[in-house]
Amino acid sequence: MGRKRDREQIIAATQPSLGSGEYIRSCSAVWAAECGGRVPLLFRARSRHYLALTDQRLILFQAPHRRRPLTTDEMLIAKRHSSFTLEKTRRYLPLLQVRIRDSADREIALEFRPRDRRVGRELATVLGGEPRRRSDVAEW
C-alpha cells in the first residue's frame, strides 16, 4: 500500500470517532512496540500500526492483514494528549523513534520512517516539546 492510500484509509477509519470540532492534524504508518520487561527493544517484535494525531487525541490502529481495508475495529488506543507523557526521542537512521508513556505506565516506542518524521516531530511537540536526545545525529 502506498503512503497516499495509507493516509486515505486512516482518515476514513478515524472520521466516525471524531468529536465535534475535532480534526486530524496528521497521520502516518509507524512501527510500534511496547517497551518494558527485561527484553531490550531491539529484540522485541515491532509491528506495523497506523497513527492519527488529532488536535485532542492520539489514535493508534493495528494494521489489518493484507488487502483488507482499515476499519474502526482495529483501533487500539484513542486517548487524550494529557494521558501521555513524552519519554524521549531518538534518531536511529533512517528512523525517528518517539517513546511515550501512557496513564497505565506502559511505555510504547513508535518509529517513523524518513518521509513520516514530520508526524513524529509533531507528536513530540504536542506531548510536551522535544526532550533532550540521547543521540543527536543530524537528519538528512
Protein backbone atom coordinates (compact mmCIF):
# COMPACT_ATOMS: atom_id res chain seq x y z
CA MET A 1 0.00 0.00 0.00
CA GLY A 2 1.27 3.47 -0.82
CA ARG A 3 1.54 6.41 1.55
CA LYS A 4 -1.36 8.25 -0.05
CA ARG A 5 -3.63 5.21 0.25
CA ASP A 6 -2.50 4.69 3.86
CA ARG A 7 -3.48 8.26 4.72
CA GLU A 8 -6.85 7.94 2.98
CA GLN A 9 -7.63 4.78 4.96
CA ILE A 10 -6.50 6.30 8.26
CA ILE A 11 -8.67 9.36 7.71
CA ALA A 12 -11.67 7.24 6.68
CA ALA A 13 -11.33 4.99 9.75
CA THR A 14 -10.81 7.93 12.13
CA GLN A 15 -13.66 10.18 10.92
CA PRO A 16 -16.52 8.27 12.67
CA SER A 17 -14.84 8.53 16.08
CA LEU A 18 -14.02 12.24 15.96
CA GLY A 19 -15.81 14.53 18.39
CA SER A 20 -17.46 17.80 17.43
CA GLY A 21 -14.86 20.33 16.40
CA GLU A 22 -12.06 17.72 16.50
CA TYR A 23 -9.91 17.42 13.40
CA ILE A 24 -6.98 15.30 12.21
CA ARG A 25 -3.67 17.16 12.37
CA SER A 26 -1.55 14.46 10.78
CA CYS A 27 -1.37 10.72 10.23
CA SER A 28 1.07 8.07 9.03
CA ALA A 29 2.13 4.46 9.21
CA VAL A 30 4.50 3.65 12.09
CA TRP A 31 6.38 0.71 13.54
CA ALA A 32 5.32 0.20 17.16
CA ALA A 33 6.27 -1.99 20.10
CA GLU A 34 5.52 -1.96 23.78
CA CYS A 35 8.67 -1.46 25.83
CA GLY A 36 9.29 -2.89 29.25
CA GLY A 37 10.36 -6.07 30.89
CA ARG A 38 13.86 -7.42 30.60
CA VAL A 39 13.96 -7.84 26.85
CA PRO A 40 15.60 -4.91 25.02
CA LEU A 41 13.55 -3.17 22.34
CA LEU A 42 15.99 -4.38 19.71
CA PHE A 43 14.75 -7.95 20.26
CA ARG A 44 11.05 -7.13 20.59
CA ALA A 45 8.76 -7.78 17.67
CA ARG A 46 7.73 -4.49 16.16
CA SER A 47 4.62 -4.45 14.03
CA ARG A 48 3.08 -2.01 11.63
CA HIS A 49 0.45 0.33 13.02
CA TYR A 50 -1.32 3.44 11.82
CA LEU A 51 -1.25 6.64 13.84
CA ALA A 52 -3.70 9.52 13.64
CA LEU A 53 -2.92 12.65 15.60
CA THR A 54 -5.91 14.92 16.17
CA ASP A 55 -6.00 18.25 17.91
CA GLN A 56 -7.24 16.47 21.08
CA ARG A 57 -6.26 12.79 20.92
CA LEU A 58 -3.72 10.24 19.80
CA ILE A 59 -5.33 7.35 17.92
CA LEU A 60 -3.41 4.16 17.15
CA PHE A 61 -4.68 1.40 14.84
CA GLN A 62 -3.36 -2.14 14.37
CA ALA A 63 -2.59 -2.58 10.67
CA PRO A 64 -5.02 -5.03 9.05
CA HIS A 65 -3.79 -8.09 7.22
CA ARG A 66 -3.02 -7.79 3.54
CA ARG A 67 -5.57 -6.23 1.24
CA ARG A 68 -8.13 -5.64 3.98
CA PRO A 69 -9.29 -2.07 4.50
CA LEU A 70 -8.61 -0.30 7.78
CA THR A 71 -11.72 -0.12 9.97
CA THR A 72 -12.56 1.19 13.43
CA ASP A 73 -12.35 -2.40 14.72
CA GLU A 74 -8.54 -2.18 14.54
CA MET A 75 -8.43 0.83 16.88
CA LEU A 76 -6.12 0.08 19.82
CA ILE A 77 -5.67 3.44 21.54
CA ALA A 78 -7.75 6.60 21.40
CA LYS A 79 -6.72 8.77 24.35
CA ARG A 80 -6.33 12.47 25.02
CA HIS A 81 -2.88 14.00 24.77
CA SER A 82 -2.87 14.70 28.51
CA SER A 83 -2.87 10.96 29.29
CA PHE A 84 0.55 10.55 27.60
CA THR A 85 3.98 11.81 28.54
CA LEU A 86 6.91 12.06 26.19
CA GLU A 87 9.80 9.93 27.42
CA LYS A 88 12.39 10.61 24.73
CA THR A 89 13.06 10.95 21.05
CA ARG A 90 15.96 9.37 19.21
CA ARG A 91 17.19 9.35 15.68
CA TYR A 92 18.21 5.92 14.56
CA LEU A 93 18.99 6.50 10.94
CA PRO A 94 16.86 6.20 8.96
CA LEU A 95 14.10 6.06 11.63
CA LEU A 96 12.91 8.60 14.19
CA GLN A 97 11.93 6.89 17.43
CA VAL A 98 9.44 8.54 19.81
CA ARG A 99 8.89 6.85 23.17
CA ILE A 100 5.72 7.72 25.05
CA ARG A 101 4.25 6.58 28.36
CA ASP A 102 0.51 6.31 28.93
CA SER A 103 -1.53 6.74 32.12
CA ALA A 104 -1.30 2.98 32.82
CA ASP A 105 2.53 3.39 32.93
CA ARG A 106 3.09 1.44 29.68
CA GLU A 107 5.95 2.66 27.54
CA ILE A 108 5.38 2.49 23.80
CA ALA A 109 8.03 3.03 21.13
CA LEU A 110 6.83 4.48 17.83
CA GLU A 111 9.25 4.53 14.92
CA PHE A 112 8.67 6.82 11.94
CA ARG A 113 10.16 6.27 8.51
CA PRO A 114 12.13 9.10 6.86
CA ARG A 115 9.19 10.53 4.92
CA ASP A 116 6.99 10.47 8.05
CA ARG A 117 9.42 12.09 10.50
CA ARG A 118 7.38 15.29 10.39
CA VAL A 119 4.49 13.42 12.04
CA GLY A 120 6.85 12.09 14.72
CA ARG A 121 8.20 15.56 15.47
CA GLU A 122 4.65 16.92 15.63
CA LEU A 123 3.69 14.16 18.08
CA ALA A 124 6.69 15.03 20.27
CA THR A 125 5.75 18.71 20.19
CA VAL A 126 2.12 18.06 21.09
CA LEU A 127 3.10 15.84 24.02
CA GLY A 128 5.34 18.39 25.64
CA GLY A 129 8.10 19.52 23.39
CA GLU A 130 11.29 17.95 22.27
CA PRO A 131 13.20 16.48 25.24
CA ARG A 132 16.96 16.06 25.29
CA ARG A 133 18.03 13.37 22.85
CA ARG A 134 20.45 10.61 23.64
CA SER A 135 21.96 10.59 20.17
CA ASP A 136 21.93 13.90 18.41
CA VAL A 137 22.51 12.81 14.83
CA ALA A 138 21.64 15.29 12.09
CA GLU A 139 18.74 14.37 9.80
CA TRP A 140 19.23 14.02 6.10
